[in-house]
């Protein structure tokens, strides 16, 4: 039960719907990759999307990141319609795919600065945002290193850092621990746990349940394109 003396803005913060999807479906010819998925995510929740390879997790995340159009169904992110307001959505999400390329000839600081400009961070705020992102992902001691010299685990943390520079409301993370050694997994998990502790809204996929233990507030099981259990 809510405390009637609780400030109205704090009550509203708790119940704000960040993501709402209704019967999302994606077909590739005869293949149904996402089968009428519905889900809702409130501010501060961390949803772990678990399922085997080929379950449709990546396709669903790419739809929510506005990179794929659904065959049918609809979704809103922070009140913006997925189909009609995708540019507004892109400014408020941070999508980290399983594999991505960074500009190898840039230093970490230059790379983060480039993405801060791309996200239209005010020029006077870029240096501060870059410093904050480097500290957050614990790469400040490598800030002058070239991206191409980073390990796989550092690249994954840089992927999160790139999203941090524009302070998104929703993080969409597609198997971020894939291919990492045990130490790199722990380092990445610490970054994600910190985001969770700070009340960020996160949708993260994995095919290994134990990878998500300790910081997810909710778990959904996906198989053959459908949510089987949530």
C-alpha atoms as a PDB file:
ATOM      1  CA  UNK A   1       0.000   0.000   0.000  1.00  0.00           C
ATOM      2  CA  UNK A   2       1.288   3.461  -0.880  1.00  0.00           C
ATOM      3  CA  UNK A   3       1.972   5.989   1.841  1.00  0.00           C
ATOM      4  CA  UNK A   4      -0.571   8.838   1.406  1.00  0.00           C
ATOM      5  CA  UNK A   5       2.063  11.287   2.646  1.00  0.00           C
ATOM      6  CA  UNK A   6       4.514  10.236  -0.037  1.00  0.00           C
ATOM      7  CA  UNK A   7       5.168  13.105  -2.482  1.00  0.00           C
ATOM      8  CA  UNK A   8       3.082  12.769  -5.637  1.00  0.00           C
ATOM      9  CA  UNK A   9       6.141  12.921  -7.897  1.00  0.00           C
ATOM     10  CA  UNK A  10       7.742   9.937  -6.118  1.00  0.00           C
ATOM     11  CA  UNK A  11       4.539   7.911  -6.427  1.00  0.00           C
ATOM     12  CA  UNK A  12       4.349   8.784 -10.116  1.00  0.00           C
ATOM     13  CA  UNK A  13       7.994   7.844 -10.643  1.00  0.00           C
ATOM     14  CA  UNK A  14       7.367   4.356  -9.316  1.00  0.00           C
ATOM     15  CA  UNK A  15       4.468   3.631 -11.609  1.00  0.00           C
ATOM     16  CA  UNK A  16       5.697   5.222 -14.838  1.00  0.00           C
ATOM     17  CA  UNK A  17       5.502   2.754 -17.707  1.00  0.00           C
ATOM     18  CA  UNK A  18       8.723   2.857 -19.700  1.00  0.00           C
ATOM     19  CA  UNK A  19       7.987   0.063 -22.176  1.00  0.00           C
ATOM     20  CA  UNK A  20       4.703  -1.481 -23.224  1.00  0.00           C
ATOM     21  CA  UNK A  21       4.454  -4.010 -26.047  1.00  0.00           C
ATOM     22  CA  UNK A  22       1.212  -5.519 -27.292  1.00  0.00           C
ATOM     23  CA  UNK A  23       1.208  -8.635 -29.503  1.00  0.00           C
ATOM     24  CA  UNK A  24       4.456  -7.873 -31.312  1.00  0.00           C
ATOM     25  CA  UNK A  25       5.015 -10.267 -34.179  1.00  0.00           C
ATOM     26  CA  UNK A  26       7.821 -10.570 -36.712  1.00  0.00           C
ATOM     27  CA  UNK A  27       7.739 -12.907 -39.678  1.00  0.00           C
ATOM     28  CA  UNK A  28      10.538 -13.657 -42.108  1.00  0.00           C
ATOM     29  CA  UNK A  29       8.630 -15.493 -44.804  1.00  0.00           C
ATOM     30  CA  UNK A  30       7.334 -18.690 -43.219  1.00  0.00           C
ATOM     31  CA  UNK A  31       9.507 -18.199 -40.119  1.00  0.00           C
ATOM     32  CA  UNK A  32       7.836 -16.585 -37.113  1.00  0.00           C
ATOM     33  CA  UNK A  33      10.744 -15.070 -35.185  1.00  0.00           C
ATOM     34  CA  UNK A  34       8.619 -13.164 -32.639  1.00  0.00           C
ATOM     35  CA  UNK A  35       5.232 -14.675 -31.891  1.00  0.00           C
ATOM     36  CA  UNK A  36       2.725 -12.167 -30.451  1.00  0.00           C
ATOM     37  CA  UNK A  37       4.884 -10.988 -27.540  1.00  0.00           C
ATOM     38  CA  UNK A  38       3.323  -8.692 -24.955  1.00  0.00           C
ATOM     39  CA  UNK A  39       5.236  -7.227 -22.023  1.00  0.00           C
ATOM     40  CA  UNK A  40       5.318  -4.167 -19.807  1.00  0.00           C
ATOM     41  CA  UNK A  41       8.259  -2.613 -17.990  1.00  0.00           C
ATOM     42  CA  UNK A  42       8.065   0.094 -15.329  1.00  0.00           C
ATOM     43  CA  UNK A  43      10.773   2.568 -14.455  1.00  0.00           C
ATOM     44  CA  UNK A  44      13.515   0.964 -12.389  1.00  0.00           C
ATOM     45  CA  UNK A  45      12.657  -2.612 -13.317  1.00  0.00           C
ATOM     46  CA  UNK A  46      15.294  -4.956 -14.734  1.00  0.00           C
ATOM     47  CA  UNK A  47      13.856  -7.684 -16.943  1.00  0.00           C
ATOM     48  CA  UNK A  48      16.036 -10.661 -17.801  1.00  0.00           C
ATOM     49  CA  UNK A  49      14.970 -12.299 -21.062  1.00  0.00           C
ATOM     50  CA  UNK A  50      16.149 -15.904 -20.981  1.00  0.00           C
ATOM     51  CA  UNK A  51      16.020 -18.357 -23.850  1.00  0.00           C
ATOM     52  CA  UNK A  52      18.097 -20.631 -26.080  1.00  0.00           C
ATOM     53  CA  UNK A  53      19.848 -19.398 -29.196  1.00  0.00           C
ATOM     54  CA  UNK A  54      17.256 -18.878 -31.916  1.00  0.00           C
ATOM     55  CA  UNK A  55      14.450 -18.145 -29.440  1.00  0.00           C
ATOM     56  CA  UNK A  56      13.788 -14.702 -30.957  1.00  0.00           C
ATOM     57  CA  UNK A  57      15.446 -12.581 -28.257  1.00  0.00           C
ATOM     58  CA  UNK A  58      17.670 -10.611 -30.623  1.00  0.00           C
ATOM     59  CA  UNK A  59      14.835  -9.989 -33.068  1.00  0.00           C
ATOM     60  CA  UNK A  60      12.616  -8.702 -30.262  1.00  0.00           C
ATOM     61  CA  UNK A  61      15.335  -6.372 -28.974  1.00  0.00           C
ATOM     62  CA  UNK A  62      16.026  -5.064 -32.485  1.00  0.00           C
ATOM     63  CA  UNK A  63      12.331  -4.312 -32.886  1.00  0.00           C
ATOM     64  CA  UNK A  64      12.270  -2.427 -29.586  1.00  0.00           C
ATOM     65  CA  UNK A  65      15.428  -0.565 -30.627  1.00  0.00           C
ATOM     66  CA  UNK A  66      13.536   0.572 -33.785  1.00  0.00           C
ATOM     67  CA  UNK A  67      15.956  -1.283 -36.065  1.00  0.00           C
ATOM     68  CA  UNK A  68      13.318  -3.731 -37.324  1.00  0.00           C
ATOM     69  CA  UNK A  69       9.674  -3.089 -38.092  1.00  0.00           C
ATOM     70  CA  UNK A  70       7.269  -5.631 -36.603  1.00  0.00           C
ATOM     71  CA  UNK A  71       4.969  -7.479 -38.957  1.00  0.00           C
ATOM     72  CA  UNK A  72       2.100  -6.677 -36.619  1.00  0.00           C
ATOM     73  CA  UNK A  73       1.419  -5.486 -33.089  1.00  0.00           C
ATOM     74  CA  UNK A  74       2.426  -2.234 -31.462  1.00  0.00           C
ATOM     75  CA  UNK A  75       4.639  -0.881 -28.715  1.00  0.00           C
ATOM     76  CA  UNK A  76       5.338   2.371 -26.935  1.00  0.00           C
ATOM     77  CA  UNK A  77       8.517   3.489 -25.207  1.00  0.00           C
ATOM     78  CA  UNK A  78       8.099   6.369 -22.772  1.00  0.00           C
ATOM     79  CA  UNK A  79       4.841   7.210 -24.478  1.00  0.00           C
ATOM     80  CA  UNK A  80       6.351   7.284 -27.972  1.00  0.00           C
ATOM     81  CA  UNK A  81       4.881   4.984 -30.600  1.00  0.00           C
ATOM     82  CA  UNK A  82       7.408   2.497 -31.957  1.00  0.00           C
ATOM     83  CA  UNK A  83       6.343   2.954 -35.577  1.00  0.00           C
ATOM     84  CA  UNK A  84       5.555   6.642 -35.791  1.00  0.00           C
ATOM     85  CA  UNK A  85       7.980   8.196 -33.305  1.00  0.00           C
ATOM     86  CA  UNK A  86      11.107   6.105 -33.696  1.00  0.00           C
ATOM     87  CA  UNK A  87      13.458   9.092 -33.848  1.00  0.00           C
ATOM     88  CA  UNK A  88      12.241  10.283 -30.446  1.00  0.00           C
ATOM     89  CA  UNK A  89      12.676   6.759 -29.075  1.00  0.00           C
ATOM     90  CA  UNK A  90      16.263   6.493 -30.292  1.00  0.00           C
ATOM     91  CA  UNK A  91      17.208   9.541 -28.243  1.00  0.00           C
ATOM     92  CA  UNK A  92      15.969   7.880 -25.055  1.00  0.00           C
ATOM     93  CA  UNK A  93      17.267   4.317 -25.346  1.00  0.00           C
ATOM     94  CA  UNK A  94      20.676   2.717 -25.170  1.00  0.00           C
ATOM     95  CA  UNK A  95      20.952  -0.411 -27.342  1.00  0.00           C
ATOM     96  CA  UNK A  96      24.004  -2.629 -26.910  1.00  0.00           C
ATOM     97  CA  UNK A  97      24.037  -5.476 -29.475  1.00  0.00           C
ATOM     98  CA  UNK A  98      25.838  -8.774 -29.033  1.00  0.00           C
ATOM     99  CA  UNK A  99      28.553  -7.799 -31.522  1.00  0.00           C
ATOM    100  CA  UNK A 100      29.366  -4.285 -32.663  1.00  0.00           C
ATOM    101  CA  UNK A 101      32.241  -2.403 -34.216  1.00  0.00           C
ATOM    102  CA  UNK A 102      33.915   0.691 -32.832  1.00  0.00           C
ATOM    103  CA  UNK A 103      36.372   2.985 -34.580  1.00  0.00           C
ATOM    104  CA  UNK A 104      39.649   1.240 -33.853  1.00  0.00           C
ATOM    105  CA  UNK A 105      41.912   4.198 -34.603  1.00  0.00           C
ATOM    106  CA  UNK A 106      40.251   6.414 -31.979  1.00  0.00           C
ATOM    107  CA  UNK A 107      41.232   6.528 -28.337  1.00  0.00           C
ATOM    108  CA  UNK A 108      38.569   5.618 -25.800  1.00  0.00           C
ATOM    109  CA  UNK A 109      38.107   9.292 -24.932  1.00  0.00           C
ATOM    110  CA  UNK A 110      37.814  10.269 -28.598  1.00  0.00           C
ATOM    111  CA  UNK A 111      35.352   7.450 -29.248  1.00  0.00           C
ATOM    112  CA  UNK A 112      33.094   8.453 -26.376  1.00  0.00           C
ATOM    113  CA  UNK A 113      33.315  12.094 -27.407  1.00  0.00           C
ATOM    114  CA  UNK A 114      32.300  11.207 -30.959  1.00  0.00           C
ATOM    115  CA  UNK A 115      29.192   9.377 -29.777  1.00  0.00           C
ATOM    116  CA  UNK A 116      28.344  12.165 -27.338  1.00  0.00           C
ATOM    117  CA  UNK A 117      28.297  14.582 -30.282  1.00  0.00           C
ATOM    118  CA  UNK A 118      26.241  12.128 -32.333  1.00  0.00           C
ATOM    119  CA  UNK A 119      23.678  12.009 -29.516  1.00  0.00           C
ATOM    120  CA  UNK A 120      23.657  15.833 -29.487  1.00  0.00           C
ATOM    121  CA  UNK A 121      25.007  16.192 -25.966  1.00  0.00           C
ATOM    122  CA  UNK A 122      25.581  19.944 -25.387  1.00  0.00           C
ATOM    123  CA  UNK A 123      29.245  20.749 -26.179  1.00  0.00           C
ATOM    124  CA  UNK A 124      29.888  22.146 -22.708  1.00  0.00           C
ATOM    125  CA  UNK A 125      28.755  18.834 -21.165  1.00  0.00           C
ATOM    126  CA  UNK A 126      30.694  16.415 -23.363  1.00  0.00           C
ATOM    127  CA  UNK A 127      33.978  16.321 -21.409  1.00  0.00           C
ATOM    128  CA  UNK A 128      32.121  15.736 -18.141  1.00  0.00           C
ATOM    129  CA  UNK A 129      29.937  13.031 -19.641  1.00  0.00           C
ATOM    130  CA  UNK A 130      32.981  11.276 -21.111  1.00  0.00           C
ATOM    131  CA  UNK A 131      34.790  11.378 -17.749  1.00  0.00           C
ATOM    132  CA  UNK A 132      31.713   9.998 -15.992  1.00  0.00           C
ATOM    133  CA  UNK A 133      31.300   7.179 -18.530  1.00  0.00           C
ATOM    134  CA  UNK A 134      34.963   6.160 -18.288  1.00  0.00           C
ATOM    135  CA  UNK A 135      34.770   6.017 -14.491  1.00  0.00           C
ATOM    136  CA  UNK A 136      31.476   4.149 -14.568  1.00  0.00           C
ATOM    137  CA  UNK A 137      32.828   1.318 -16.724  1.00  0.00           C
ATOM    138  CA  UNK A 138      36.234   1.435 -14.973  1.00  0.00           C
ATOM    139  CA  UNK A 139      38.244   2.275 -18.083  1.00  0.00           C
ATOM    140  CA  UNK A 140      39.619   5.676 -17.081  1.00  0.00           C
ATOM    141  CA  UNK A 141      43.168   4.276 -16.955  1.00  0.00           C
ATOM    142  CA  UNK A 142      42.819   3.265 -20.616  1.00  0.00           C
ATOM    143  CA  UNK A 143      41.286   6.507 -21.860  1.00  0.00           C
ATOM    144  CA  UNK A 144      44.258   7.284 -24.156  1.00  0.00           C
ATOM    145  CA  UNK A 145      44.518   3.733 -25.531  1.00  0.00           C
ATOM    146  CA  UNK A 146      43.291   2.970 -29.038  1.00  0.00           C
ATOM    147  CA  UNK A 147      40.027   1.088 -29.244  1.00  0.00           C
ATOM    148  CA  UNK A 148      41.636  -1.625 -31.379  1.00  0.00           C
ATOM    149  CA  UNK A 149      43.894  -2.558 -28.458  1.00  0.00           C
ATOM    150  CA  UNK A 150      40.993  -3.373 -26.134  1.00  0.00           C
ATOM    151  CA  UNK A 151      40.108  -6.883 -25.037  1.00  0.00           C
ATOM    152  CA  UNK A 152      36.671  -8.294 -25.817  1.00  0.00           C
ATOM    153  CA  UNK A 153      35.511  -7.594 -22.261  1.00  0.00           C
ATOM    154  CA  UNK A 154      36.684  -3.992 -22.435  1.00  0.00           C
ATOM    155  CA  UNK A 155      34.878  -3.525 -25.747  1.00  0.00           C
ATOM    156  CA  UNK A 156      31.642  -4.734 -24.135  1.00  0.00           C
ATOM    157  CA  UNK A 157      32.100  -2.277 -21.270  1.00  0.00           C
ATOM    158  CA  UNK A 158      32.820   0.458 -23.809  1.00  0.00           C
ATOM    159  CA  UNK A 159      29.507  -0.432 -25.449  1.00  0.00           C
ATOM    160  CA  UNK A 160      27.751   0.374 -22.189  1.00  0.00           C
ATOM    161  CA  UNK A 161      29.889   3.502 -21.753  1.00  0.00           C
ATOM    162  CA  UNK A 162      28.871   4.786 -25.180  1.00  0.00           C
ATOM    163  CA  UNK A 163      25.226   4.560 -24.160  1.00  0.00           C
ATOM    164  CA  UNK A 164      25.952   6.253 -20.832  1.00  0.00           C
ATOM    165  CA  UNK A 165      27.140   9.489 -22.443  1.00  0.00           C
ATOM    166  CA  UNK A 166      23.592  10.475 -23.383  1.00  0.00           C
ATOM    167  CA  UNK A 167      22.013   9.084 -20.178  1.00  0.00           C
ATOM    168  CA  UNK A 168      19.220   6.938 -21.708  1.00  0.00           C
ATOM    169  CA  UNK A 169      16.008   6.090 -19.876  1.00  0.00           C
ATOM    170  CA  UNK A 170      15.949   2.486 -21.132  1.00  0.00           C
ATOM    171  CA  UNK A 171      18.841   0.095 -21.749  1.00  0.00           C
ATOM    172  CA  UNK A 172      18.391  -2.762 -24.229  1.00  0.00           C
ATOM    173  CA  UNK A 173      21.270  -5.227 -23.866  1.00  0.00           C
ATOM    174  CA  UNK A 174      21.550  -8.216 -26.206  1.00  0.00           C
ATOM    175  CA  UNK A 175      23.639 -10.977 -24.587  1.00  0.00           C
ATOM    176  CA  UNK A 176      26.327  -8.524 -23.399  1.00  0.00           C
ATOM    177  CA  UNK A 177      28.355 -11.270 -21.679  1.00  0.00           C
ATOM    178  CA  UNK A 178      28.580 -13.477 -24.773  1.00  0.00           C
ATOM    179  CA  UNK A 179      32.129 -14.663 -25.427  1.00  0.00           C
ATOM    180  CA  UNK A 180      33.621 -13.123 -22.295  1.00  0.00           C
ATOM    181  CA  UNK A 181      36.014 -14.894 -19.949  1.00  0.00           C
ATOM    182  CA  UNK A 182      34.977 -15.264 -16.271  1.00  0.00           C
ATOM    183  CA  UNK A 183      36.828 -12.130 -15.095  1.00  0.00           C
ATOM    184  CA  UNK A 184      35.335  -9.980 -17.866  1.00  0.00           C
ATOM    185  CA  UNK A 185      31.856 -11.343 -17.078  1.00  0.00           C
ATOM    186  CA  UNK A 186      32.237 -10.296 -13.443  1.00  0.00           C
ATOM    187  CA  UNK A 187      33.434  -6.816 -14.460  1.00  0.00           C
ATOM    188  CA  UNK A 188      30.512  -6.360 -16.840  1.00  0.00           C
ATOM    189  CA  UNK A 189      28.051  -7.710 -14.278  1.00  0.00           C
ATOM    190  CA  UNK A 190      29.314  -5.154 -11.760  1.00  0.00           C
ATOM    191  CA  UNK A 191      28.602  -2.354 -14.245  1.00  0.00           C
ATOM    192  CA  UNK A 192      25.086  -3.665 -14.900  1.00  0.00           C
ATOM    193  CA  UNK A 193      24.420  -4.186 -11.196  1.00  0.00           C
ATOM    194  CA  UNK A 194      25.388  -0.573 -10.586  1.00  0.00           C
ATOM    195  CA  UNK A 195      22.927   0.574 -13.251  1.00  0.00           C
ATOM    196  CA  UNK A 196      20.269  -1.559 -11.585  1.00  0.00           C
ATOM    197  CA  UNK A 197      21.073  -0.173  -8.133  1.00  0.00           C
ATOM    198  CA  UNK A 198      20.676   3.357  -9.493  1.00  0.00           C
ATOM    199  CA  UNK A 199      17.161   2.576 -10.675  1.00  0.00           C
ATOM    200  CA  UNK A 200      17.802   2.385 -14.413  1.00  0.00           C
ATOM    201  CA  UNK A 201      15.289   0.459 -16.514  1.00  0.00           C
ATOM    202  CA  UNK A 202      16.950  -2.461 -18.280  1.00  0.00           C
ATOM    203  CA  UNK A 203      15.905  -5.247 -20.639  1.00  0.00           C
ATOM    204  CA  UNK A 204      18.759  -7.735 -20.949  1.00  0.00           C
ATOM    205  CA  UNK A 205      18.850 -11.026 -22.825  1.00  0.00           C
ATOM    206  CA  UNK A 206      20.908 -14.139 -22.209  1.00  0.00           C
ATOM    207  CA  UNK A 207      20.733 -17.870 -22.817  1.00  0.00           C
ATOM    208  CA  UNK A 208      22.337 -18.523 -19.402  1.00  0.00           C
ATOM    209  CA  UNK A 209      20.169 -17.832 -16.361  1.00  0.00           C
ATOM    210  CA  UNK A 210      23.082 -17.561 -13.919  1.00  0.00           C
ATOM    211  CA  UNK A 211      24.510 -14.611 -15.894  1.00  0.00           C
ATOM    212  CA  UNK A 212      21.528 -12.540 -14.798  1.00  0.00           C
ATOM    213  CA  UNK A 213      21.356 -13.622 -11.180  1.00  0.00           C
ATOM    214  CA  UNK A 214      21.609 -10.958  -8.536  1.00  0.00           C
ATOM    215  CA  UNK A 215      20.344  -7.858 -10.299  1.00  0.00           C
ATOM    216  CA  UNK A 216      17.186  -8.719 -12.300  1.00  0.00           C
ATOM    217  CA  UNK A 217      13.881  -7.775 -10.707  1.00  0.00           C
ATOM    218  CA  UNK A 218      11.903  -9.886 -13.208  1.00  0.00           C
ATOM    219  CA  UNK A 219      12.611 -12.868 -15.465  1.00  0.00           C
ATOM    220  CA  UNK A 220      10.842 -13.873 -18.696  1.00  0.00           C
ATOM    221  CA  UNK A 221      11.438 -17.142 -20.558  1.00  0.00           C
ATOM    222  CA  UNK A 222      11.352 -16.926 -24.360  1.00  0.00           C
ATOM    223  CA  UNK A 223      11.255 -19.923 -26.684  1.00  0.00           C
ATOM    224  CA  UNK A 224      10.316 -20.296 -30.341  1.00  0.00           C
ATOM    225  CA  UNK A 225       9.457 -16.613 -30.559  1.00  0.00           C
ATOM    226  CA  UNK A 226       6.996 -16.535 -27.669  1.00  0.00           C
ATOM    227  CA  UNK A 227       7.133 -15.624 -23.987  1.00  0.00           C
ATOM    228  CA  UNK A 228       6.469 -18.924 -22.219  1.00  0.00           C
ATOM    229  CA  UNK A 229       6.793 -17.783 -18.622  1.00  0.00           C
ATOM    230  CA  UNK A 230       7.150 -14.396 -16.934  1.00  0.00           C
END
